[in-house]
Amino acid sequence: MVIVVKDSELVPRLLVTTGIGRERRVCEDITNALFFRNEPVEVRPLERRGLVIVYSCRSCDPWALVHALRGAGIAGAFWAIPIQRSVPARYEYVARGCLDLVLLELEKHPVRIVAVCRKRGNYIDSCSRLCRYVGEYLERLGIIEVDFRRYEYILRIEIVDSDAHLSIYRRDQIHLLRLS
């Protein structure tokens, strides 16, 4: 008999960028840095792509993982991007995922947001089209205002193969994502 715990499924919580060919080494350093955490953690390199994805349980705070890696000084890692939600890399799913993220993470509405997208795969044709689509969708609902100069929040969309990893954070938090 197998007992299934509701929160036992591991989901992407962190995307770490590194130099191409250094994924395995960075993977080992991340595993060592997160070894004593109470949550289960699995670190997977994406070989020859300069990416490492950290998986953990849904209740794990991705910002806590970012802070743990900043304190550990992971050599060869460039950015640690928190993943608050993952959806299939299709326009409709990304727009709905961003809607959920904005409604759940932000207290006041409307807020001034800029969307930033990075595409690593061919499932989305264009990051600029995707950002425009998501921005128009959320603006029509009246919960955000797209503002490229005076934005308060950054809505980050990371496309990796067939998945879109989403996060939202304040403008002043961007320096926390830089590891080296």
N, C-alpha and C. Protein backbone atom coordinates (compact mmCIF):
# COMPACT_ATOMS: atom_id res chain seq x y z
N MET A 1 0.84 -1.17 0.00
CA MET A 1 0.00 0.00 0.00
C MET A 1 0.89 1.24 0.00
N VAL A 2 0.62 2.16 -0.90
CA VAL A 2 1.38 3.40 -1.02
C VAL A 2 0.53 4.54 -0.51
N ILE A 3 1.09 5.32 0.38
CA ILE A 3 0.40 6.49 0.89
C ILE A 3 0.86 7.70 0.08
N VAL A 4 -0.09 8.37 -0.55
CA VAL A 4 0.24 9.54 -1.36
C VAL A 4 -0.05 10.79 -0.56
N VAL A 5 0.95 11.60 -0.39
CA VAL A 5 0.81 12.86 0.31
C VAL A 5 0.51 13.93 -0.73
N LYS A 6 -0.46 14.79 -0.43
CA LYS A 6 -0.92 15.79 -1.38
C LYS A 6 0.20 16.67 -1.90
N ASP A 7 1.11 17.09 -1.05
CA ASP A 7 2.15 18.03 -1.42
C ASP A 7 3.46 17.35 -1.80
N SER A 8 3.44 16.04 -2.07
CA SER A 8 4.67 15.31 -2.30
C SER A 8 5.21 15.45 -3.72
N GLU A 9 4.40 15.91 -4.65
CA GLU A 9 4.84 16.07 -6.03
C GLU A 9 5.88 17.20 -6.12
N LEU A 10 6.97 16.91 -6.78
CA LEU A 10 7.99 17.93 -6.95
C LEU A 10 7.69 18.75 -8.20
N VAL A 11 7.75 20.06 -8.05
CA VAL A 11 7.47 20.99 -9.14
C VAL A 11 8.66 21.93 -9.30
N PRO A 12 8.83 22.54 -10.47
CA PRO A 12 9.94 23.49 -10.65
C PRO A 12 9.78 24.69 -9.72
N ARG A 13 10.84 25.04 -9.00
CA ARG A 13 10.80 26.17 -8.07
C ARG A 13 11.88 27.20 -8.36
N LEU A 14 12.91 26.81 -9.13
CA LEU A 14 14.02 27.72 -9.36
C LEU A 14 14.69 27.38 -10.69
N LEU A 15 15.02 28.40 -11.44
CA LEU A 15 15.76 28.25 -12.69
C LEU A 15 17.09 28.97 -12.52
N VAL A 16 18.18 28.23 -12.65
CA VAL A 16 19.52 28.80 -12.46
C VAL A 16 20.23 28.77 -13.80
N THR A 17 20.79 29.93 -14.19
CA THR A 17 21.55 30.00 -15.44
C THR A 17 23.04 29.88 -15.14
N THR A 18 23.74 29.28 -16.08
CA THR A 18 25.17 29.06 -15.94
C THR A 18 25.79 29.03 -17.33
N GLY A 19 27.08 28.86 -17.39
CA GLY A 19 27.75 28.74 -18.68
C GLY A 19 27.47 27.38 -19.29
N ILE A 20 27.45 27.33 -20.60
CA ILE A 20 27.21 26.06 -21.30
C ILE A 20 28.37 25.12 -21.00
N GLY A 21 28.03 23.89 -20.62
CA GLY A 21 29.03 22.90 -20.26
C GLY A 21 29.34 22.87 -18.76
N ARG A 22 28.84 23.82 -18.00
CA ARG A 22 29.10 23.86 -16.55
C ARG A 22 27.89 23.40 -15.74
N GLU A 23 26.87 22.89 -16.39
CA GLU A 23 25.61 22.54 -15.72
C GLU A 23 25.80 21.51 -14.61
N ARG A 24 26.56 20.45 -14.88
CA ARG A 24 26.74 19.39 -13.87
C ARG A 24 27.47 19.90 -12.63
N ARG A 25 28.49 20.70 -12.82
CA ARG A 25 29.25 21.24 -11.68
C ARG A 25 28.38 22.16 -10.84
N VAL A 26 27.63 23.04 -11.49
CA VAL A 26 26.73 23.94 -10.78
C VAL A 26 25.64 23.13 -10.07
N CYS A 27 25.19 22.08 -10.71
CA CYS A 27 24.18 21.19 -10.12
C CYS A 27 24.68 20.60 -8.79
N GLU A 28 25.91 20.15 -8.77
CA GLU A 28 26.50 19.61 -7.55
C GLU A 28 26.58 20.67 -6.46
N ASP A 29 27.01 21.88 -6.82
CA ASP A 29 27.12 22.96 -5.84
C ASP A 29 25.75 23.35 -5.28
N ILE A 30 24.74 23.38 -6.13
CA ILE A 30 23.39 23.70 -5.67
C ILE A 30 22.87 22.62 -4.74
N THR A 31 23.11 21.37 -5.10
CA THR A 31 22.68 20.25 -4.25
C THR A 31 23.33 20.35 -2.88
N ASN A 32 24.61 20.66 -2.84
CA ASN A 32 25.31 20.82 -1.55
C ASN A 32 24.77 22.00 -0.76
N ALA A 33 24.47 23.10 -1.45
CA ALA A 33 23.96 24.30 -0.76
C ALA A 33 22.57 24.07 -0.16
N LEU A 34 21.78 23.22 -0.79
CA LEU A 34 20.40 22.99 -0.34
C LEU A 34 20.23 21.68 0.44
N PHE A 35 21.36 21.05 0.78
CA PHE A 35 21.34 19.72 1.41
C PHE A 35 20.57 19.69 2.74
N PHE A 36 20.70 20.70 3.56
CA PHE A 36 20.11 20.68 4.89
C PHE A 36 18.73 21.31 4.96
N ARG A 37 18.10 21.56 3.86
CA ARG A 37 16.74 22.12 3.86
C ARG A 37 15.74 21.05 4.27
N ASN A 38 14.65 21.48 4.88
CA ASN A 38 13.62 20.55 5.32
C ASN A 38 12.78 20.01 4.17
N GLU A 39 12.67 20.79 3.09
CA GLU A 39 11.87 20.34 1.95
C GLU A 39 12.69 19.42 1.07
N PRO A 40 12.02 18.48 0.40
CA PRO A 40 12.75 17.65 -0.56
C PRO A 40 13.15 18.51 -1.76
N VAL A 41 14.36 18.32 -2.24
CA VAL A 41 14.89 19.10 -3.36
C VAL A 41 15.53 18.16 -4.36
N GLU A 42 15.24 18.39 -5.63
CA GLU A 42 15.89 17.64 -6.70
C GLU A 42 16.44 18.65 -7.70
N VAL A 43 17.68 18.50 -8.07
CA VAL A 43 18.34 19.44 -8.97
C VAL A 43 18.67 18.72 -10.27
N ARG A 44 18.18 19.28 -11.39
CA ARG A 44 18.38 18.64 -12.69
C ARG A 44 19.06 19.60 -13.67
N PRO A 45 20.17 19.16 -14.25
CA PRO A 45 20.82 20.00 -15.26
C PRO A 45 20.16 19.81 -16.63
N LEU A 46 20.12 20.86 -17.41
CA LEU A 46 19.72 20.75 -18.81
C LEU A 46 21.03 20.87 -19.61
N GLU A 47 21.58 19.73 -19.96
CA GLU A 47 22.90 19.65 -20.57
C GLU A 47 23.01 20.49 -21.83
N ARG A 48 24.15 21.15 -21.98
CA ARG A 48 24.50 21.96 -23.14
C ARG A 48 23.52 23.10 -23.40
N ARG A 49 22.81 23.55 -22.34
CA ARG A 49 21.85 24.63 -22.50
C ARG A 49 22.11 25.76 -21.51
N GLY A 50 23.02 25.55 -20.56
CA GLY A 50 23.32 26.59 -19.59
C GLY A 50 22.24 26.78 -18.56
N LEU A 51 21.47 25.73 -18.27
CA LEU A 51 20.36 25.82 -17.32
C LEU A 51 20.37 24.68 -16.32
N VAL A 52 19.94 25.00 -15.11
CA VAL A 52 19.71 24.02 -14.07
C VAL A 52 18.35 24.34 -13.47
N ILE A 53 17.51 23.32 -13.31
CA ILE A 53 16.19 23.53 -12.71
C ILE A 53 16.15 22.82 -11.37
N VAL A 54 15.71 23.55 -10.34
CA VAL A 54 15.58 23.01 -8.99
C VAL A 54 14.11 22.71 -8.75
N TYR A 55 13.82 21.46 -8.39
CA TYR A 55 12.46 21.03 -8.12
C TYR A 55 12.29 20.86 -6.61
N SER A 56 11.12 21.22 -6.12
CA SER A 56 10.80 21.01 -4.71
C SER A 56 9.29 20.91 -4.59
N CYS A 57 8.80 20.78 -3.37
CA CYS A 57 7.36 20.65 -3.15
C CYS A 57 6.67 22.00 -3.39
N ARG A 58 5.37 21.96 -3.58
CA ARG A 58 4.59 23.17 -3.87
C ARG A 58 4.65 24.19 -2.74
N SER A 59 4.77 23.74 -1.52
CA SER A 59 4.78 24.66 -0.38
C SER A 59 6.14 25.35 -0.19
N CYS A 60 7.15 24.90 -0.89
CA CYS A 60 8.49 25.50 -0.77
C CYS A 60 8.48 26.91 -1.37
N ASP A 61 9.02 27.86 -0.62
CA ASP A 61 9.11 29.23 -1.08
C ASP A 61 10.31 29.37 -2.01
N PRO A 62 10.08 29.72 -3.29
CA PRO A 62 11.22 29.84 -4.21
C PRO A 62 12.19 30.95 -3.82
N TRP A 63 11.71 31.99 -3.13
CA TRP A 63 12.60 33.07 -2.69
C TRP A 63 13.55 32.58 -1.60
N ALA A 64 13.11 31.63 -0.79
CA ALA A 64 14.01 31.05 0.22
C ALA A 64 15.15 30.29 -0.46
N LEU A 65 14.85 29.63 -1.57
CA LEU A 65 15.89 28.94 -2.33
C LEU A 65 16.89 29.94 -2.93
N VAL A 66 16.37 31.05 -3.44
CA VAL A 66 17.23 32.10 -4.00
C VAL A 66 18.19 32.61 -2.92
N HIS A 67 17.66 32.91 -1.73
CA HIS A 67 18.49 33.41 -0.63
C HIS A 67 19.52 32.38 -0.19
N ALA A 68 19.13 31.10 -0.19
CA ALA A 68 20.08 30.04 0.20
C ALA A 68 21.24 29.97 -0.79
N LEU A 69 20.94 30.11 -2.09
CA LEU A 69 22.00 30.05 -3.09
C LEU A 69 22.88 31.29 -3.06
N ARG A 70 22.29 32.44 -2.78
CA ARG A 70 23.09 33.68 -2.67
C ARG A 70 24.07 33.57 -1.51
N GLY A 71 23.62 32.97 -0.41
CA GLY A 71 24.50 32.81 0.75
C GLY A 71 25.59 31.78 0.53
N ALA A 72 25.34 30.81 -0.36
CA ALA A 72 26.31 29.74 -0.59
C ALA A 72 27.40 30.14 -1.59
N GLY A 73 27.15 31.15 -2.40
CA GLY A 73 28.15 31.57 -3.39
C GLY A 73 28.45 30.50 -4.40
N ILE A 74 27.48 30.15 -5.21
CA ILE A 74 27.62 29.09 -6.21
C ILE A 74 28.51 29.60 -7.35
N ALA A 75 29.69 29.00 -7.49
CA ALA A 75 30.63 29.40 -8.54
C ALA A 75 30.10 28.97 -9.90
N GLY A 76 30.10 29.89 -10.85
CA GLY A 76 29.68 29.56 -12.21
C GLY A 76 28.20 29.78 -12.48
N ALA A 77 27.43 30.11 -11.46
CA ALA A 77 26.01 30.38 -11.66
C ALA A 77 25.82 31.88 -11.83
N PHE A 78 24.97 32.26 -12.77
CA PHE A 78 24.76 33.68 -13.06
C PHE A 78 23.50 34.24 -12.40
N TRP A 79 22.36 33.63 -12.70
CA TRP A 79 21.07 34.11 -12.20
C TRP A 79 20.31 32.96 -11.55
N ALA A 80 19.55 33.26 -10.50
CA ALA A 80 18.63 32.31 -9.87
C ALA A 80 17.24 32.94 -9.96
N ILE A 81 16.40 32.40 -10.80
CA ILE A 81 15.09 32.98 -11.07
C ILE A 81 14.03 32.12 -10.37
N PRO A 82 13.29 32.71 -9.42
CA PRO A 82 12.25 31.93 -8.73
C PRO A 82 11.12 31.57 -9.69
N ILE A 83 10.55 30.40 -9.50
CA ILE A 83 9.41 29.96 -10.30
C ILE A 83 8.22 29.82 -9.36
N GLN A 84 7.24 30.69 -9.53
CA GLN A 84 6.06 30.65 -8.67
C GLN A 84 4.93 29.83 -9.29
N ARG A 85 4.96 29.67 -10.60
CA ARG A 85 3.92 28.90 -11.28
C ARG A 85 4.50 28.39 -12.60
N SER A 86 4.13 27.16 -12.96
CA SER A 86 4.53 26.59 -14.24
C SER A 86 3.29 26.15 -15.00
N VAL A 87 3.26 26.47 -16.28
CA VAL A 87 2.13 26.12 -17.14
C VAL A 87 2.68 25.66 -18.48
N PRO A 88 1.84 24.99 -19.30
CA PRO A 88 2.30 24.64 -20.65
C PRO A 88 2.59 25.91 -21.46
N ALA A 89 3.56 25.83 -22.35
CA ALA A 89 4.00 26.99 -23.13
C ALA A 89 3.05 27.22 -24.31
N ARG A 90 1.87 27.71 -24.00
CA ARG A 90 0.89 28.12 -25.00
C ARG A 90 0.31 29.45 -24.54
N TYR A 91 0.00 30.31 -25.48
CA TYR A 91 -0.44 31.66 -25.17
C TYR A 91 -1.55 31.70 -24.12
N GLU A 92 -2.59 30.89 -24.30
CA GLU A 92 -3.74 30.91 -23.39
C GLU A 92 -3.35 30.48 -21.98
N TYR A 93 -2.57 29.44 -21.89
CA TYR A 93 -2.16 28.94 -20.57
C TYR A 93 -1.26 29.94 -19.86
N VAL A 94 -0.36 30.58 -20.61
CA VAL A 94 0.54 31.56 -20.01
C VAL A 94 -0.27 32.76 -19.51
N ALA A 95 -1.23 33.22 -20.30
CA ALA A 95 -2.06 34.37 -19.88
C ALA A 95 -2.85 34.03 -18.62
N ARG A 96 -3.44 32.86 -18.56
CA ARG A 96 -4.20 32.46 -17.37
C ARG A 96 -3.29 32.26 -16.16
N GLY A 97 -2.11 31.69 -16.38
CA GLY A 97 -1.15 31.53 -15.29
C GLY A 97 -0.69 32.88 -14.74
N CYS A 98 -0.48 33.84 -15.63
CA CYS A 98 -0.09 35.19 -15.20
C CYS A 98 -1.23 35.85 -14.43
N LEU A 99 -2.46 35.64 -14.88
CA LEU A 99 -3.62 36.17 -14.16
C LEU A 99 -3.67 35.62 -12.74
N ASP A 100 -3.53 34.31 -12.60
CA ASP A 100 -3.53 33.69 -11.27
C ASP A 100 -2.41 34.26 -10.41
N LEU A 101 -1.24 34.40 -11.00
CA LEU A 101 -0.08 34.90 -10.27
C LEU A 101 -0.32 36.32 -9.76
N VAL A 102 -0.82 37.19 -10.62
CA VAL A 102 -1.07 38.59 -10.23
C VAL A 102 -2.14 38.65 -9.14
N LEU A 103 -3.20 37.87 -9.29
CA LEU A 103 -4.28 37.91 -8.30
C LEU A 103 -3.85 37.34 -6.95
N LEU A 104 -3.02 36.29 -6.96
CA LEU A 104 -2.62 35.65 -5.71
C LEU A 104 -1.46 36.34 -5.01
N GLU A 105 -0.55 36.93 -5.77
CA GLU A 105 0.67 37.47 -5.18
C GLU A 105 0.60 38.95 -4.82
N LEU A 106 -0.27 39.70 -5.48
CA LEU A 106 -0.31 41.15 -5.27
C LEU A 106 -1.60 41.53 -4.54
N GLU A 107 -1.47 42.46 -3.58
CA GLU A 107 -2.62 42.86 -2.77
C GLU A 107 -3.49 43.89 -3.46
N LYS A 108 -2.87 44.88 -4.09
CA LYS A 108 -3.65 45.97 -4.68
C LYS A 108 -3.68 45.84 -6.20
N HIS A 109 -4.74 46.34 -6.78
CA HIS A 109 -4.89 46.34 -8.24
C HIS A 109 -5.52 47.65 -8.65
N PRO A 110 -5.25 48.24 -9.75
CA PRO A 110 -4.25 47.82 -10.73
C PRO A 110 -2.84 48.23 -10.31
N VAL A 111 -1.86 47.51 -10.82
CA VAL A 111 -0.45 47.80 -10.57
C VAL A 111 0.24 48.00 -11.92
N ARG A 112 1.33 48.73 -11.88
CA ARG A 112 2.10 48.97 -13.11
C ARG A 112 3.13 47.84 -13.25
N ILE A 113 3.07 47.17 -14.38
CA ILE A 113 3.89 45.98 -14.61
C ILE A 113 4.58 46.07 -15.96
N VAL A 114 5.77 45.49 -16.04
CA VAL A 114 6.43 45.25 -17.31
C VAL A 114 6.67 43.74 -17.39
N ALA A 115 6.44 43.16 -18.55
CA ALA A 115 6.66 41.73 -18.74
C ALA A 115 8.03 41.52 -19.39
N VAL A 116 8.75 40.54 -18.90
CA VAL A 116 10.06 40.17 -19.43
C VAL A 116 9.99 38.70 -19.78
N CYS A 117 10.40 38.37 -20.99
CA CYS A 117 10.31 36.98 -21.46
C CYS A 117 11.66 36.52 -21.97
N ARG A 118 11.94 35.26 -21.74
CA ARG A 118 13.14 34.62 -22.30
C ARG A 118 12.72 33.27 -22.87
N LYS A 119 13.06 33.03 -24.12
CA LYS A 119 12.61 31.85 -24.83
C LYS A 119 13.76 30.89 -25.05
N ARG A 120 13.59 29.66 -24.57
CA ARG A 120 14.59 28.61 -24.77
C ARG A 120 13.86 27.39 -25.31
N GLY A 121 13.54 27.44 -26.56
CA GLY A 121 12.76 26.38 -27.21
C GLY A 121 11.87 26.99 -28.27
N ASN A 122 11.20 26.15 -29.03
CA ASN A 122 10.40 26.62 -30.17
C ASN A 122 8.90 26.50 -29.95
N TYR A 123 8.45 26.38 -28.73
CA TYR A 123 7.03 26.23 -28.48
C TYR A 123 6.27 27.56 -28.55
N ILE A 124 6.96 28.66 -28.37
CA ILE A 124 6.38 29.99 -28.50
C ILE A 124 7.11 30.67 -29.65
N ASP A 125 6.37 31.28 -30.55
CA ASP A 125 6.99 31.88 -31.73
C ASP A 125 7.77 33.15 -31.42
N SER A 126 7.29 33.97 -30.48
CA SER A 126 7.95 35.24 -30.22
C SER A 126 7.67 35.70 -28.80
N CYS A 127 8.71 36.08 -28.09
CA CYS A 127 8.53 36.60 -26.73
C CYS A 127 7.80 37.93 -26.73
N SER A 128 8.10 38.78 -27.69
CA SER A 128 7.43 40.08 -27.72
C SER A 128 5.94 39.92 -27.98
N ARG A 129 5.55 39.00 -28.85
CA ARG A 129 4.12 38.74 -29.08
C ARG A 129 3.45 38.17 -27.84
N LEU A 130 4.15 37.27 -27.17
CA LEU A 130 3.59 36.69 -25.95
C LEU A 130 3.40 37.75 -24.88
N CYS A 131 4.39 38.61 -24.68
CA CYS A 131 4.28 39.68 -23.68
C CYS A 131 3.13 40.63 -24.03
N ARG A 132 3.00 40.96 -25.30
CA ARG A 132 1.91 41.84 -25.74
C ARG A 132 0.56 41.17 -25.48
N TYR A 133 0.46 39.88 -25.80
CA TYR A 133 -0.79 39.14 -25.59
C TYR A 133 -1.17 39.11 -24.10
N VAL A 134 -0.21 38.78 -23.26
CA VAL A 134 -0.46 38.70 -21.81
C VAL A 134 -0.81 40.09 -21.26
N GLY A 135 -0.06 41.12 -21.68
CA GLY A 135 -0.32 42.47 -21.21
C GLY A 135 -1.71 42.96 -21.59
N GLU A 136 -2.10 42.73 -22.84
CA GLU A 136 -3.44 43.15 -23.28
C GLU A 136 -4.53 42.39 -22.54
N TYR A 137 -4.31 41.10 -22.33
CA TYR A 137 -5.29 40.27 -21.62
C TYR A 137 -5.50 40.79 -20.19
N LEU A 138 -4.42 41.06 -19.48
CA LEU A 138 -4.53 41.52 -18.10
C LEU A 138 -5.01 42.96 -18.01
N GLU A 139 -4.66 43.79 -18.97
CA GLU A 139 -5.15 45.18 -18.98
C GLU A 139 -6.65 45.24 -19.23
N ARG A 140 -7.16 44.38 -20.11
CA ARG A 140 -8.61 44.33 -20.37
C ARG A 140 -9.38 43.99 -19.11
N LEU A 141 -8.80 43.18 -18.25
CA LEU A 141 -9.44 42.81 -16.99
C LEU A 141 -9.33 43.92 -15.94
N GLY A 142 -8.48 44.89 -16.18
CA GLY A 142 -8.35 46.03 -15.29
C GLY A 142 -7.51 45.78 -14.05
N ILE A 143 -6.67 44.76 -14.07
CA ILE A 143 -5.87 44.46 -12.88
C ILE A 143 -4.43 44.93 -12.99
N ILE A 144 -3.99 45.25 -14.21
CA ILE A 144 -2.64 45.79 -14.38
C ILE A 144 -2.67 46.94 -15.36
N GLU A 145 -1.58 47.67 -15.35
CA GLU A 145 -1.31 48.70 -16.36
C GLU A 145 0.11 48.45 -16.83
N VAL A 146 0.28 48.24 -18.13
CA VAL A 146 1.62 48.02 -18.68
C VAL A 146 2.32 49.37 -18.76
N ASP A 147 3.48 49.46 -18.13
CA ASP A 147 4.24 50.71 -18.09
C ASP A 147 5.72 50.34 -18.19
N PHE A 148 6.36 50.78 -19.26
CA PHE A 148 7.75 50.40 -19.50
C PHE A 148 8.76 51.25 -18.74
N ARG A 149 8.34 52.39 -18.20
CA ARG A 149 9.27 53.28 -17.51
C ARG A 149 9.06 53.29 -16.00
N ARG A 150 7.83 53.41 -15.56
CA ARG A 150 7.54 53.58 -14.13
C ARG A 150 6.91 52.32 -13.54
N TYR A 151 7.32 51.16 -14.00
CA TYR A 151 6.72 49.92 -13.52
C TYR A 151 7.10 49.66 -12.07
N GLU A 152 6.19 49.02 -11.35
CA GLU A 152 6.42 48.63 -9.95
C GLU A 152 6.85 47.18 -9.84
N TYR A 153 6.33 46.35 -10.75
CA TYR A 153 6.58 44.91 -10.72
C TYR A 153 7.07 44.40 -12.06
N ILE A 154 7.82 43.32 -12.00
CA ILE A 154 8.29 42.64 -13.21
C ILE A 154 7.60 41.28 -13.25
N LEU A 155 6.92 41.02 -14.36
CA LEU A 155 6.30 39.72 -14.61
C LEU A 155 7.25 38.97 -15.52
N ARG A 156 7.87 37.93 -14.99
CA ARG A 156 8.90 37.20 -15.74
C ARG A 156 8.32 35.91 -16.28
N ILE A 157 8.56 35.69 -17.57
CA ILE A 157 8.10 34.49 -18.26
C ILE A 157 9.33 33.81 -18.84
N GLU A 158 9.63 32.64 -18.36
CA GLU A 158 10.77 31.86 -18.84
C GLU A 158 10.24 30.64 -19.58
N ILE A 159 10.45 30.59 -20.89
CA ILE A 159 10.00 29.45 -21.70
C ILE A 159 11.16 28.48 -21.82
N VAL A 160 10.96 27.26 -21.31
CA VAL A 160 11.97 26.20 -21.41
C VAL A 160 11.27 25.00 -22.02
N ASP A 161 11.62 24.73 -23.27
CA ASP A 161 10.98 23.66 -24.05
C ASP A 161 9.47 23.86 -24.06
N SER A 162 8.71 22.90 -23.54
CA SER A 162 7.25 22.99 -23.61
C SER A 162 6.62 23.58 -22.35
N ASP A 163 7.44 24.13 -21.45
CA ASP A 163 6.93 24.70 -20.20
C ASP A 163 7.20 26.20 -20.14
N ALA A 164 6.27 26.89 -19.50
CA ALA A 164 6.45 28.32 -19.23
C ALA A 164 6.52 28.47 -17.72
N HIS A 165 7.60 29.02 -17.22
CA HIS A 165 7.79 29.23 -15.79
C HIS A 165 7.57 30.71 -15.51
N LEU A 166 6.70 31.00 -14.55
CA LEU A 166 6.27 32.37 -14.29
C LEU A 166 6.66 32.83 -12.89
N SER A 167 6.99 34.10 -12.79
CA SER A 167 7.22 34.70 -11.48
C SER A 167 6.93 36.19 -11.58
N ILE A 168 6.63 36.78 -10.43
CA ILE A 168 6.40 38.21 -10.36
C ILE A 168 7.12 38.72 -9.12
N TYR A 169 7.80 39.85 -9.27
CA TYR A 169 8.54 40.41 -8.14
C TYR A 169 8.64 41.92 -8.31
N ARG A 170 8.91 42.59 -7.20
CA ARG A 170 9.05 44.05 -7.22
C ARG A 170 10.30 44.45 -8.00
N ARG A 171 10.25 45.63 -8.53
CA ARG A 171 11.37 46.17 -9.32
C ARG A 171 12.67 46.19 -8.52
N ASP A 172 12.58 46.50 -7.25
CA ASP A 172 13.79 46.60 -6.43
C ASP A 172 14.36 45.24 -6.01
N GLN A 173 13.72 44.15 -6.37
CA GLN A 173 14.21 42.82 -6.01
C GLN A 173 15.09 42.19 -7.09
N ILE A 174 15.21 42.82 -8.23
CA ILE A 174 15.95 42.22 -9.34
C ILE A 174 17.41 41.94 -8.97
N HIS A 175 18.01 42.77 -8.14
CA HIS A 175 19.42 42.54 -7.76
C HIS A 175 19.58 41.25 -6.95
N LEU A 176 18.52 40.78 -6.30
CA LEU A 176 18.60 39.55 -5.51
C LEU A 176 18.76 38.30 -6.39
N LEU A 177 18.38 38.41 -7.65
CA LEU A 177 18.43 37.26 -8.54
C LEU A 177 19.83 37.00 -9.11
N ARG A 178 20.67 37.99 -9.05
CA ARG A 178 22.03 37.87 -9.60
C ARG A 178 22.92 37.13 -8.61
N LEU A 179 23.51 36.02 -9.06
CA LEU A 179 24.37 35.21 -8.19
C LEU A 179 25.84 35.57 -8.34
N SER A 180 26.27 36.01 -9.50
CA SER A 180 27.69 36.36 -9.67
C SER A 180 27.84 37.61 -10.49
